Amino acid sequence: MKLQTEQGEITISSEVFTNITGAAATNCYGVKGMAVRSKTDGLVHLLRRESMGKGVKITYNEDSSVSIELHIIVDNGVNLMAVSRSIMSEVRYIVHRTTGAEVRNVDVCIDSMVIG
């Protein structure tokens, strides 16, 4: 994504967006981590910190905004609506503050719950 500023043009890679987004989401209460669904067995797997960007999908819109889709695993017993709202708010704020990009929407997909 390219952002135009008064001093010039800034190019931000997709990897930067996915890392920022993944870190913001996993810092929210009740989130165990980012998830990815295996293509071979169809099971949901918890991602390690260094590969949590695989649980994030960034879509660049024509109006220079971004749309974000997150796949997460949450702790058992948490209020799913409250956790989802918290993630949406936190991700929108952190991504905008860090990159300057407008966030059109944040979709949270809860793929699994972890007991314990």
PDB file of N, CA and C in Angstrom:
ATOM      1  N   MET A   1       0.843  -1.170   0.000  1.00  0.00           N
ATOM      2  CA  MET A   1       0.000   0.000   0.000  1.00  0.00           C
ATOM      3  C   MET A   1       0.886   1.230   0.000  1.00  0.00           C
ATOM      4  N   LYS A   2       0.471   2.231  -0.775  1.00  0.00           N
ATOM      5  CA  LYS A   2       1.220   3.476  -0.843  1.00  0.00           C
ATOM      6  C   LYS A   2       0.397   4.594  -0.235  1.00  0.00           C
ATOM      7  N   LEU A   3       1.034   5.361   0.645  1.00  0.00           N
ATOM      8  CA  LEU A   3       0.401   6.510   1.281  1.00  0.00           C
ATOM      9  C   LEU A   3       1.147   7.765   0.881  1.00  0.00           C
ATOM     10  N   GLN A   4       0.410   8.774   0.505  1.00  0.00           N
ATOM     11  CA  GLN A   4       1.010  10.045   0.119  1.00  0.00           C
ATOM     12  C   GLN A   4       0.986  10.991   1.319  1.00  0.00           C
ATOM     13  N   THR A   5       2.144  11.539   1.677  1.00  0.00           N
ATOM     14  CA  THR A   5       2.240  12.511   2.763  1.00  0.00           C
ATOM     15  C   THR A   5       2.823  13.807   2.223  1.00  0.00           C
ATOM     16  N   GLU A   6       2.935  14.791   3.083  1.00  0.00           N
ATOM     17  CA  GLU A   6       3.509  16.080   2.682  1.00  0.00           C
ATOM     18  C   GLU A   6       4.984  15.941   2.308  1.00  0.00           C
ATOM     19  N   GLN A   7       5.677  14.992   2.955  1.00  0.00           N
ATOM     20  CA  GLN A   7       7.103  14.811   2.697  1.00  0.00           C
ATOM     21  C   GLN A   7       7.382  13.855   1.537  1.00  0.00           C
ATOM     22  N   GLY A   8       6.373  13.120   1.069  1.00  0.00           N
ATOM     23  CA  GLY A   8       6.587  12.178  -0.020  1.00  0.00           C
ATOM     24  C   GLY A   8       5.690  10.964   0.095  1.00  0.00           C
ATOM     25  N   GLU A   9       6.091   9.900  -0.582  1.00  0.00           N
ATOM     26  CA  GLU A   9       5.288   8.681  -0.637  1.00  0.00           C
ATOM     27  C   GLU A   9       5.889   7.609   0.264  1.00  0.00           C
ATOM     28  N   ILE A  10       5.008   6.902   0.980  1.00  0.00           N
ATOM     29  CA  ILE A  10       5.428   5.820   1.865  1.00  0.00           C
ATOM     30  C   ILE A  10       4.809   4.534   1.343  1.00  0.00           C
ATOM     31  N   THR A  11       5.609   3.494   1.197  1.00  0.00           N
ATOM     32  CA  THR A  11       5.115   2.183   0.780  1.00  0.00           C
ATOM     33  C   THR A  11       5.176   1.249   1.977  1.00  0.00           C
ATOM     34  N   ILE A  12       4.035   0.646   2.299  1.00  0.00           N
ATOM     35  CA  ILE A  12       3.943  -0.281   3.432  1.00  0.00           C
ATOM     36  C   ILE A  12       3.614  -1.663   2.870  1.00  0.00           C
ATOM     37  N   SER A  13       4.427  -2.657   3.205  1.00  0.00           N
ATOM     38  CA  SER A  13       4.216  -4.004   2.679  1.00  0.00           C
ATOM     39  C   SER A  13       3.071  -4.707   3.410  1.00  0.00           C
ATOM     40  N   SER A  14       2.541  -5.725   2.769  1.00  0.00           N
ATOM     41  CA  SER A  14       1.470  -6.524   3.369  1.00  0.00           C
ATOM     42  C   SER A  14       1.936  -7.201   4.645  1.00  0.00           C
ATOM     43  N   GLU A  15       3.199  -7.593   4.681  1.00  0.00           N
ATOM     44  CA  GLU A  15       3.742  -8.250   5.867  1.00  0.00           C
ATOM     45  C   GLU A  15       3.705  -7.332   7.085  1.00  0.00           C
ATOM     46  N   VAL A  16       3.956  -6.051   6.876  1.00  0.00           N
ATOM     47  CA  VAL A  16       3.890  -5.085   7.975  1.00  0.00           C
ATOM     48  C   VAL A  16       2.460  -5.013   8.512  1.00  0.00           C
ATOM     49  N   PHE A  17       1.485  -4.911   7.615  1.00  0.00           N
ATOM     50  CA  PHE A  17       0.082  -4.870   8.045  1.00  0.00           C
ATOM     51  C   PHE A  17      -0.316  -6.133   8.808  1.00  0.00           C
ATOM     52  N   THR A  18       0.076  -7.301   8.298  1.00  0.00           N
ATOM     53  CA  THR A  18      -0.327  -8.541   8.965  1.00  0.00           C
ATOM     54  C   THR A  18       0.336  -8.688  10.327  1.00  0.00           C
ATOM     55  N   ASN A  19       1.592  -8.284  10.453  1.00  0.00           N
ATOM     56  CA  ASN A  19       2.271  -8.370  11.748  1.00  0.00           C
ATOM     57  C   ASN A  19       1.681  -7.408  12.771  1.00  0.00           C
ATOM     58  N   ILE A  20       1.413  -6.181  12.362  1.00  0.00           N
ATOM     59  CA  ILE A  20       0.813  -5.196  13.262  1.00  0.00           C
ATOM     60  C   ILE A  20      -0.572  -5.668  13.702  1.00  0.00           C
ATOM     61  N   THR A  21      -1.356  -6.147  12.750  1.00  0.00           N
ATOM     62  CA  THR A  21      -2.714  -6.596  13.035  1.00  0.00           C
ATOM     63  C   THR A  21      -2.712  -7.813  13.946  1.00  0.00           C
ATOM     64  N   GLY A  22      -1.865  -8.784  13.657  1.00  0.00           N
ATOM     65  CA  GLY A  22      -1.781  -9.982  14.490  1.00  0.00           C
ATOM     66  C   GLY A  22      -1.362  -9.668  15.913  1.00  0.00           C
ATOM     67  N   ALA A  23      -0.387  -8.779  16.064  1.00  0.00           N
ATOM     68  CA  ALA A  23       0.070  -8.395  17.401  1.00  0.00           C
ATOM     69  C   ALA A  23      -1.026  -7.668  18.167  1.00  0.00           C
ATOM     70  N   ALA A  24      -1.746  -6.775  17.503  1.00  0.00           N
ATOM     71  CA  ALA A  24      -2.832  -6.037  18.162  1.00  0.00           C
ATOM     72  C   ALA A  24      -3.934  -6.993  18.604  1.00  0.00           C
ATOM     73  N   ALA A  25      -4.289  -7.953  17.767  1.00  0.00           N
ATOM     74  CA  ALA A  25      -5.363  -8.891  18.101  1.00  0.00           C
ATOM     75  C   ALA A  25      -4.974  -9.808  19.251  1.00  0.00           C
ATOM     76  N   THR A  26      -3.754 -10.328  19.229  1.00  0.00           N
ATOM     77  CA  THR A  26      -3.351 -11.269  20.274  1.00  0.00           C
ATOM     78  C   THR A  26      -3.111 -10.600  21.618  1.00  0.00           C
ATOM     79  N   ASN A  27      -2.998  -9.284  21.657  1.00  0.00           N
ATOM     80  CA  ASN A  27      -2.856  -8.569  22.923  1.00  0.00           C
ATOM     81  C   ASN A  27      -4.192  -8.346  23.617  1.00  0.00           C
ATOM     82  N   CYS A  28      -5.294  -8.649  22.958  1.00  0.00           N
ATOM     83  CA  CYS A  28      -6.618  -8.464  23.547  1.00  0.00           C
ATOM     84  C   CYS A  28      -6.935  -9.602  24.512  1.00  0.00           C
ATOM     85  N   TYR A  29      -7.691  -9.268  25.549  1.00  0.00           N
ATOM     86  CA  TYR A  29      -8.088 -10.250  26.560  1.00  0.00           C
ATOM     87  C   TYR A  29      -8.901 -11.375  25.922  1.00  0.00           C
ATOM     88  N   GLY A  30      -8.601 -12.614  26.292  1.00  0.00           N
ATOM     89  CA  GLY A  30      -9.368 -13.764  25.844  1.00  0.00           C
ATOM     90  C   GLY A  30      -8.873 -14.399  24.566  1.00  0.00           C
ATOM     91  N   VAL A  31      -7.926 -13.761  23.885  1.00  0.00           N
ATOM     92  CA  VAL A  31      -7.415 -14.307  22.629  1.00  0.00           C
ATOM     93  C   VAL A  31      -6.216 -15.200  22.935  1.00  0.00           C
ATOM     94  N   LYS A  32      -6.328 -16.458  22.552  1.00  0.00           N
ATOM     95  CA  LYS A  32      -5.236 -17.411  22.749  1.00  0.00           C
ATOM     96  C   LYS A  32      -4.168 -17.229  21.676  1.00  0.00           C
ATOM     97  N   GLY A  33      -4.589 -16.911  20.444  1.00  0.00           N
ATOM     98  CA  GLY A  33      -3.637 -16.696  19.365  1.00  0.00           C
ATOM     99  C   GLY A  33      -4.330 -16.661  18.022  1.00  0.00           C
ATOM    100  N   MET A  34      -3.524 -16.529  16.982  1.00  0.00           N
ATOM    101  CA  MET A  34      -4.034 -16.510  15.620  1.00  0.00           C
ATOM    102  C   MET A  34      -4.172 -17.947  15.136  1.00  0.00           C
ATOM    103  N   ALA A  35      -5.091 -18.151  14.188  1.00  0.00           N
ATOM    104  CA  ALA A  35      -5.384 -19.505  13.712  1.00  0.00           C
ATOM    105  C   ALA A  35      -5.228 -19.602  12.212  1.00  0.00           C
ATOM    106  N   VAL A  36      -4.957 -20.822  11.766  1.00  0.00           N
ATOM    107  CA  VAL A  36      -4.950 -21.131  10.345  1.00  0.00           C
ATOM    108  C   VAL A  36      -5.565 -22.522  10.184  1.00  0.00           C
ATOM    109  N   ARG A  37      -6.374 -22.677   9.146  1.00  0.00           N
ATOM    110  CA  ARG A  37      -6.987 -23.975   8.863  1.00  0.00           C
ATOM    111  C   ARG A  37      -6.095 -24.724   7.886  1.00  0.00           C
ATOM    112  N   SER A  38      -5.724 -25.936   8.261  1.00  0.00           N
ATOM    113  CA  SER A  38      -4.856 -26.758   7.430  1.00  0.00           C
ATOM    114  C   SER A  38      -5.581 -27.187   6.159  1.00  0.00           C
ATOM    115  N   LYS A  39      -4.894 -27.077   5.041  1.00  0.00           N
ATOM    116  CA  LYS A  39      -5.484 -27.499   3.766  1.00  0.00           C
ATOM    117  C   LYS A  39      -5.523 -29.022   3.642  1.00  0.00           C
ATOM    118  N   THR A  40      -4.644 -29.718   4.351  1.00  0.00           N
ATOM    119  CA  THR A  40      -4.578 -31.172   4.225  1.00  0.00           C
ATOM    120  C   THR A  40      -5.621 -31.894   5.069  1.00  0.00           C
ATOM    121  N   ASP A  41      -5.733 -31.513   6.356  1.00  0.00           N
ATOM    122  CA  ASP A  41      -6.671 -32.226   7.220  1.00  0.00           C
ATOM    123  C   ASP A  41      -7.879 -31.404   7.651  1.00  0.00           C
ATOM    124  N   GLY A  42      -7.910 -30.122   7.319  1.00  0.00           N
ATOM    125  CA  GLY A  42      -9.053 -29.269   7.647  1.00  0.00           C
ATOM    126  C   GLY A  42      -9.115 -28.837   9.102  1.00  0.00           C
ATOM    127  N   LEU A  43      -8.116 -29.195   9.904  1.00  0.00           N
ATOM    128  CA  LEU A  43      -8.108 -28.829  11.321  1.00  0.00           C
ATOM    129  C   LEU A  43      -7.559 -27.420  11.518  1.00  0.00           C
ATOM    130  N   VAL A  44      -7.986 -26.786  12.608  1.00  0.00           N
ATOM    131  CA  VAL A  44      -7.511 -25.444  12.946  1.00  0.00           C
ATOM    132  C   VAL A  44      -6.266 -25.570  13.809  1.00  0.00           C
ATOM    133  N   HIS A  45      -5.230 -24.815  13.473  1.00  0.00           N
ATOM    134  CA  HIS A  45      -3.970 -24.868  14.208  1.00  0.00           C
ATOM    135  C   HIS A  45      -3.640 -23.492  14.781  1.00  0.00           C
ATOM    136  N   LEU A  46      -3.123 -23.492  16.006  1.00  0.00           N
ATOM    137  CA  LEU A  46      -2.654 -22.279  16.662  1.00  0.00           C
ATOM    138  C   LEU A  46      -1.306 -21.901  16.082  1.00  0.00           C
ATOM    139  N   LEU A  47      -1.164 -20.654  15.642  1.00  0.00           N
ATOM    140  CA  LEU A  47       0.077 -20.194  15.030  1.00  0.00           C
ATOM    141  C   LEU A  47       1.059 -19.680  16.073  1.00  0.00           C
ATOM    142  N   ARG A  48       2.332 -19.877  15.827  1.00  0.00           N
ATOM    143  CA  ARG A  48       3.366 -19.305  16.683  1.00  0.00           C
ATOM    144  C   ARG A  48       3.458 -17.806  16.427  1.00  0.00           C
ATOM    145  N   ARG A  49       4.100 -17.106  17.317  1.00  0.00           N
ATOM    146  CA  ARG A  49       4.245 -15.646  17.207  1.00  0.00           C
ATOM    147  C   ARG A  49       4.856 -15.206  15.879  1.00  0.00           C
ATOM    148  N   GLU A  50       5.878 -15.931  15.435  1.00  0.00           N
ATOM    149  CA  GLU A  50       6.584 -15.511  14.223  1.00  0.00           C
ATOM    150  C   GLU A  50       5.789 -15.741  12.938  1.00  0.00           C
ATOM    151  N   SER A  51       4.725 -16.546  12.992  1.00  0.00           N
ATOM    152  CA  SER A  51       3.942 -16.795  11.782  1.00  0.00           C
ATOM    153  C   SER A  51       2.469 -16.418  11.945  1.00  0.00           C
ATOM    154  N   MET A  52       2.167 -15.553  12.908  1.00  0.00           N
ATOM    155  CA  MET A  52       0.773 -15.206  13.158  1.00  0.00           C
ATOM    156  C   MET A  52       0.141 -14.405  12.024  1.00  0.00           C
ATOM    157  N   GLY A  53       0.937 -13.865  11.136  1.00  0.00           N
ATOM    158  CA  GLY A  53       0.408 -13.140   9.986  1.00  0.00           C
ATOM    159  C   GLY A  53      -0.405 -14.020   9.055  1.00  0.00           C
ATOM    160  N   LYS A  54      -0.212 -15.345   9.132  1.00  0.00           N
ATOM    161  CA  LYS A  54      -0.985 -16.266   8.293  1.00  0.00           C
ATOM    162  C   LYS A  54      -2.457 -16.280   8.681  1.00  0.00           C
ATOM    163  N   GLY A  55      -2.782 -15.829   9.877  1.00  0.00           N
ATOM    164  CA  GLY A  55      -4.173 -15.775  10.330  1.00  0.00           C
ATOM    165  C   GLY A  55      -4.844 -14.459  10.000  1.00  0.00           C
ATOM    166  N   VAL A  56      -4.182 -13.627   9.213  1.00  0.00           N
ATOM    167  CA  VAL A  56      -4.690 -12.298   8.859  1.00  0.00           C
ATOM    168  C   VAL A  56      -4.787 -12.174   7.346  1.00  0.00           C
ATOM    169  N   LYS A  57      -5.899 -11.630   6.887  1.00  0.00           N
ATOM    170  CA  LYS A  57      -6.043 -11.342   5.451  1.00  0.00           C
ATOM    171  C   LYS A  57      -6.312  -9.842   5.305  1.00  0.00           C
ATOM    172  N   ILE A  58      -5.473  -9.180   4.530  1.00  0.00           N
ATOM    173  CA  ILE A  58      -5.602  -7.740   4.290  1.00  0.00           C
ATOM    174  C   ILE A  58      -6.091  -7.527   2.868  1.00  0.00           C
ATOM    175  N   THR A  59      -7.115  -6.694   2.715  1.00  0.00           N
ATOM    176  CA  THR A  59      -7.614  -6.322   1.394  1.00  0.00           C
ATOM    177  C   THR A  59      -7.453  -4.816   1.247  1.00  0.00           C
ATOM    178  N   TYR A  60      -6.804  -4.406   0.163  1.00  0.00           N
ATOM    179  CA  TYR A  60      -6.604  -2.982  -0.110  1.00  0.00           C
ATOM    180  C   TYR A  60      -7.761  -2.490  -0.968  1.00  0.00           C
ATOM    181  N   ASN A  61      -8.423  -1.436  -0.516  1.00  0.00           N
ATOM    182  CA  ASN A  61      -9.565  -0.872  -1.221  1.00  0.00           C
ATOM    183  C   ASN A  61      -9.132   0.289  -2.107  1.00  0.00           C
ATOM    184  N   GLU A  62      -9.980   0.637  -3.077  1.00  0.00           N
ATOM    185  CA  GLU A  62      -9.660   1.709  -4.034  1.00  0.00           C
ATOM    186  C   GLU A  62      -9.505   3.070  -3.367  1.00  0.00           C
ATOM    187  N   ASP A  63     -10.169   3.285  -2.239  1.00  0.00           N
ATOM    188  CA  ASP A  63     -10.123   4.585  -1.565  1.00  0.00           C
ATOM    189  C   ASP A  63      -8.961   4.704  -0.579  1.00  0.00           C
ATOM    190  N   SER A  64      -7.928   3.871  -0.746  1.00  0.00           N
ATOM    191  CA  SER A  64      -6.725   3.861   0.099  1.00  0.00           C
ATOM    192  C   SER A  64      -6.989   3.384   1.521  1.00  0.00           C
ATOM    193  N   SER A  65      -8.104   2.732   1.743  1.00  0.00           N
ATOM    194  CA  SER A  65      -8.367   2.139   3.046  1.00  0.00           C
ATOM    195  C   SER A  65      -8.078   0.639   2.970  1.00  0.00           C
ATOM    196  N   VAL A  66      -8.065  -0.008   4.127  1.00  0.00           N
ATOM    197  CA  VAL A  66      -7.843  -1.445   4.172  1.00  0.00           C
ATOM    198  C   VAL A  66      -9.008  -2.130   4.873  1.00  0.00           C
ATOM    199  N   SER A  67      -9.277  -3.361   4.466  1.00  0.00           N
ATOM    200  CA  SER A  67     -10.236  -4.222   5.148  1.00  0.00           C
ATOM    201  C   SER A  67      -9.444  -5.395   5.701  1.00  0.00           C
ATOM    202  N   ILE A  68      -9.765  -5.784   6.929  1.00  0.00           N
ATOM    203  CA  ILE A  68      -8.975  -6.797   7.626  1.00  0.00           C
ATOM    204  C   ILE A  68      -9.876  -7.956   8.041  1.00  0.00           C
ATOM    205  N   GLU A  69      -9.394  -9.172   7.809  1.00  0.00           N
ATOM    206  CA  GLU A  69     -10.080 -10.378   8.264  1.00  0.00           C
ATOM    207  C   GLU A  69      -9.117 -11.144   9.157  1.00  0.00           C
ATOM    208  N   LEU A  70      -9.561 -11.439  10.386  1.00  0.00           N
ATOM    209  CA  LEU A  70      -8.729 -12.130  11.370  1.00  0.00           C
ATOM    210  C   LEU A  70      -9.307 -13.498  11.686  1.00  0.00           C
ATOM    211  N   HIS A  71      -8.443 -14.484  11.824  1.00  0.00           N
ATOM    212  CA  HIS A  71      -8.850 -15.813  12.269  1.00  0.00           C
ATOM    213  C   HIS A  71      -8.151 -16.065  13.597  1.00  0.00           C
ATOM    214  N   ILE A  72      -8.952 -16.264  14.650  1.00  0.00           N
ATOM    215  CA  ILE A  72      -8.380 -16.353  15.990  1.00  0.00           C
ATOM    216  C   ILE A  72      -8.873 -17.598  16.731  1.00  0.00           C
ATOM    217  N   ILE A  73      -8.153 -17.914  17.792  1.00  0.00           N
ATOM    218  CA  ILE A  73      -8.544 -18.929  18.754  1.00  0.00           C
ATOM    219  C   ILE A  73      -8.694 -18.218  20.086  1.00  0.00           C
ATOM    220  N   VAL A  74      -9.801 -18.459  20.773  1.00  0.00           N
ATOM    221  CA  VAL A  74     -10.071 -17.773  22.037  1.00  0.00           C
ATOM    222  C   VAL A  74     -10.060 -18.764  23.195  1.00  0.00           C
ATOM    223  N   ASP A  75      -9.923 -18.228  24.405  1.00  0.00           N
ATOM    224  CA  ASP A  75     -10.004 -19.035  25.613  1.00  0.00           C
ATOM    225  C   ASP A  75     -11.448 -19.452  25.851  1.00  0.00           C
ATOM    226  N   ASN A  76     -11.635 -20.602  26.458  1.00  0.00           N
ATOM    227  CA  ASN A  76     -12.965 -21.089  26.786  1.00  0.00           C
ATOM    228  C   ASN A  76     -13.585 -20.206  27.879  1.00  0.00           C
ATOM    229  N   GLY A  77     -14.871 -19.929  27.749  1.00  0.00           N
ATOM    230  CA  GLY A  77     -15.595 -19.198  28.785  1.00  0.00           C
ATOM    231  C   GLY A  77     -15.624 -17.690  28.616  1.00  0.00           C
ATOM    232  N   VAL A  78     -14.990 -17.151  27.584  1.00  0.00           N
ATOM    233  CA  VAL A  78     -15.017 -15.703  27.387  1.00  0.00           C
ATOM    234  C   VAL A  78     -16.281 -15.312  26.620  1.00  0.00           C
ATOM    235  N   ASN A  79     -16.704 -14.087  26.799  1.00  0.00           N
ATOM    236  CA  ASN A  79     -17.854 -13.559  26.068  1.00  0.00           C
ATOM    237  C   ASN A  79     -17.392 -13.247  24.643  1.00  0.00           C
ATOM    238  N   LEU A  80     -17.895 -14.016  23.688  1.00  0.00           N
ATOM    239  CA  LEU A  80     -17.424 -13.890  22.308  1.00  0.00           C
ATOM    240  C   LEU A  80     -17.720 -12.521  21.711  1.00  0.00           C
ATOM    241  N   MET A  81     -18.871 -11.956  22.002  1.00  0.00           N
ATOM    242  CA  MET A  81     -19.209 -10.627  21.480  1.00  0.00           C
ATOM    243  C   MET A  81     -18.270  -9.566  22.045  1.00  0.00           C
ATOM    244  N   ALA A  82     -18.019  -9.634  23.339  1.00  0.00           N
ATOM    245  CA  ALA A  82     -17.136  -8.648  23.971  1.00  0.00           C
ATOM    246  C   ALA A  82     -15.715  -8.761  23.434  1.00  0.00           C
ATOM    247  N   VAL A  83     -15.222  -9.984  23.288  1.00  0.00           N
ATOM    248  CA  VAL A  83     -13.872 -10.187  22.763  1.00  0.00           C
ATOM    249  C   VAL A  83     -13.784  -9.684  21.325  1.00  0.00           C
ATOM    250  N   SER A  84     -14.791 -10.003  20.517  1.00  0.00           N
ATOM    251  CA  SER A  84     -14.789  -9.572  19.107  1.00  0.00           C
ATOM    252  C   SER A  84     -14.814  -8.054  18.995  1.00  0.00           C
ATOM    253  N   ARG A  85     -15.649  -7.402  19.774  1.00  0.00           N
ATOM    254  CA  ARG A  85     -15.704  -5.925  19.747  1.00  0.00           C
ATOM    255  C   ARG A  85     -14.389  -5.312  20.183  1.00  0.00           C
ATOM    256  N   SER A  86     -13.793  -5.888  21.211  1.00  0.00           N
ATOM    257  CA  SER A  86     -12.507  -5.396  21.704  1.00  0.00           C
ATOM    258  C   SER A  86     -11.433  -5.516  20.629  1.00  0.00           C
ATOM    259  N   ILE A  87     -11.411  -6.658  19.940  1.00  0.00           N
ATOM    260  CA  ILE A  87     -10.428  -6.878  18.866  1.00  0.00           C
ATOM    261  C   ILE A  87     -10.647  -5.883  17.735  1.00  0.00           C
ATOM    262  N   MET A  88     -11.895  -5.719  17.315  1.00  0.00           N
ATOM    263  CA  MET A  88     -12.200  -4.792  16.222  1.00  0.00           C
ATOM    264  C   MET A  88     -11.728  -3.383  16.549  1.00  0.00           C
ATOM    265  N   SER A  89     -12.029  -2.935  17.749  1.00  0.00           N
ATOM    266  CA  SER A  89     -11.649  -1.589  18.167  1.00  0.00           C
ATOM    267  C   SER A  89     -10.134  -1.436  18.268  1.00  0.00           C
ATOM    268  N   GLU A  90      -9.486  -2.397  18.899  1.00  0.00           N
ATOM    269  CA  GLU A  90      -8.038  -2.326  19.103  1.00  0.00           C
ATOM    270  C   GLU A  90      -7.278  -2.388  17.775  1.00  0.00           C
ATOM    271  N   VAL A  91      -7.680  -3.301  16.901  1.00  0.00           N
ATOM    272  CA  VAL A  91      -7.000  -3.449  15.610  1.00  0.00           C
ATOM    273  C   VAL A  91      -7.180  -2.191  14.774  1.00  0.00           C
ATOM    274  N   ARG A  92      -8.402  -1.669  14.721  1.00  0.00           N
ATOM    275  CA  ARG A  92      -8.669  -0.446  13.956  1.00  0.00           C
ATOM    276  C   ARG A  92      -7.782   0.701  14.459  1.00  0.00           C
ATOM    277  N   TYR A  93      -7.705   0.870  15.783  1.00  0.00           N
ATOM    278  CA  TYR A  93      -6.927   1.962  16.375  1.00  0.00           C
ATOM    279  C   TYR A  93      -5.427   1.786  16.124  1.00  0.00           C
ATOM    280  N   ILE A  94      -4.895   0.592  16.410  1.00  0.00           N
ATOM    281  CA  ILE A  94      -3.451   0.349  16.292  1.00  0.00           C
ATOM    282  C   ILE A  94      -2.986   0.456  14.841  1.00  0.00           C
ATOM    283  N   VAL A  95      -3.748  -0.120  13.911  1.00  0.00           N
ATOM    284  CA  VAL A  95      -3.351  -0.065  12.502  1.00  0.00           C
ATOM    285  C   VAL A  95      -3.358   1.383  12.007  1.00  0.00           C
ATOM    286  N   HIS A  96      -4.397   2.141  12.350  1.00  0.00           N
ATOM    287  CA  HIS A  96      -4.458   3.538  11.909  1.00  0.00           C
ATOM    288  C   HIS A  96      -3.347   4.362  12.551  1.00  0.00           C
ATOM    289  N   ARG A  97      -3.122   4.171  13.849  1.00  0.00           N
ATOM    290  CA  ARG A  97      -2.094   4.943  14.546  1.00  0.00           C
ATOM    291  C   ARG A  97      -0.693   4.610  14.038  1.00  0.00           C
ATOM    292  N   THR A  98      -0.440   3.348  13.745  1.00  0.00           N
ATOM    293  CA  THR A  98       0.886   2.914  13.340  1.00  0.00           C
ATOM    294  C   THR A  98       1.199   3.222  11.884  1.00  0.00           C
ATOM    295  N   THR A  99       0.215   3.003  10.991  1.00  0.00           N
ATOM    296  CA  THR A  99       0.476   3.141   9.552  1.00  0.00           C
ATOM    297  C   THR A  99      -0.121   4.401   8.938  1.00  0.00           C
ATOM    298  N   GLY A 100      -1.127   4.976   9.581  1.00  0.00           N
ATOM    299  CA  GLY A 100      -1.815   6.128   9.012  1.00  0.00           C
ATOM    300  C   GLY A 100      -2.913   5.740   8.042  1.00  0.00           C
ATOM    301  N   ALA A 101      -3.070   4.448   7.773  1.00  0.00           N
ATOM    302  CA  ALA A 101      -4.090   3.982   6.830  1.00  0.00           C
ATOM    303  C   ALA A 101      -5.462   3.929   7.509  1.00  0.00           C
ATOM    304  N   GLU A 102      -6.491   4.291   6.757  1.00  0.00           N
ATOM    305  CA  GLU A 102      -7.855   4.175   7.253  1.00  0.00           C
ATOM    306  C   GLU A 102      -8.272   2.712   7.185  1.00  0.00           C
ATOM    307  N   VAL A 103      -8.941   2.231   8.226  1.00  0.00           N
ATOM    308  CA  VAL A 103      -9.426   0.855   8.264  1.00  0.00           C
ATOM    309  C   VAL A 103     -10.923   0.885   8.004  1.00  0.00           C
ATOM    310  N   ARG A 104     -11.332   0.306   6.873  1.00  0.00           N
ATOM    311  CA  ARG A 104     -12.751   0.306   6.505  1.00  0.00           C
ATOM    312  C   ARG A 104     -13.539  -0.631   7.410  1.00  0.00           C
ATOM    313  N   ASN A 105     -13.058  -1.855   7.560  1.00  0.00           N
ATOM    314  CA  ASN A 105     -13.738  -2.792   8.456  1.00  0.00           C
ATOM    315  C   ASN A 105     -12.777  -3.860   8.949  1.00  0.00           C
ATOM    316  N   VAL A 106     -13.145  -4.455  10.086  1.00  0.00           N
ATOM    317  CA  VAL A 106     -12.384  -5.547  10.688  1.00  0.00           C
ATOM    318  C   VAL A 106     -13.374  -6.691  10.924  1.00  0.00           C
ATOM    319  N   ASP A 107     -13.127  -7.819  10.281  1.00  0.00           N
ATOM    320  CA  ASP A 107     -13.954  -9.016  10.477  1.00  0.00           C
ATOM    321  C   ASP A 107     -13.192 -10.000  11.329  1.00  0.00           C
ATOM    322  N   VAL A 108     -13.851 -10.476  12.390  1.00  0.00           N
ATOM    323  CA  VAL A 108     -13.231 -11.427  13.305  1.00  0.00           C
ATOM    324  C   VAL A 108     -13.896 -12.787  13.126  1.00  0.00           C
ATOM    325  N   CYS A 109     -13.097 -13.778  12.774  1.00  0.00           N
ATOM    326  CA  CYS A 109     -13.578 -15.157  12.623  1.00  0.00           C
ATOM    327  C   CYS A 109     -13.006 -15.977  13.760  1.00  0.00           C
ATOM    328  N   ILE A 110     -13.866 -16.477  14.645  1.00  0.00           N
ATOM    329  CA  ILE A 110     -13.423 -17.303  15.757  1.00  0.00           C
ATOM    330  C   ILE A 110     -13.442 -18.746  15.274  1.00  0.00           C
ATOM    331  N   ASP A 111     -12.258 -19.304  15.097  1.00  0.00           N
ATOM    332  CA  ASP A 111     -12.125 -20.643  14.521  1.00  0.00           C
ATOM    333  C   ASP A 111     -12.142 -21.750  15.560  1.00  0.00           C
ATOM    334  N   SER A 112     -11.809 -21.439  16.811  1.00  0.00           N
ATOM    335  CA  SER A 112     -11.743 -22.489  17.821  1.00  0.00           C
ATOM    336  C   SER A 112     -11.699 -21.878  19.212  1.00  0.00           C
ATOM    337  N   MET A 113     -12.013 -22.723  20.221  1.00  0.00           N
ATOM    338  CA  MET A 113     -11.871 -22.350  21.626  1.00  0.00           C
ATOM    339  C   MET A 113     -10.891 -23.315  22.276  1.00  0.00           C
ATOM    340  N   VAL A 114     -10.085 -22.793  23.173  1.00  0.00           N
ATOM    341  CA  VAL A 114      -9.104 -23.623  23.879  1.00  0.00           C
ATOM    342  C   VAL A 114      -9.534 -23.726  25.330  1.00  0.00           C
ATOM    343  N   ILE A 115      -9.613 -24.942  25.836  1.00  0.00           N
ATOM    344  CA  ILE A 115      -9.967 -25.158  27.240  1.00  0.00           C
ATOM    345  C   ILE A 115      -8.671 -25.177  28.039  1.00  0.00           C
ATOM    346  N   GLY A 116      -8.696 -24.400  29.114  1.00  0.00           N
ATOM    347  CA  GLY A 116      -7.530 -24.428  29.985  1.00  0.00           C
ATOM    348  C   GLY A 116      -6.892 -23.169  30.197  1.00  0.00           C
TER     349      GLY A 116
END
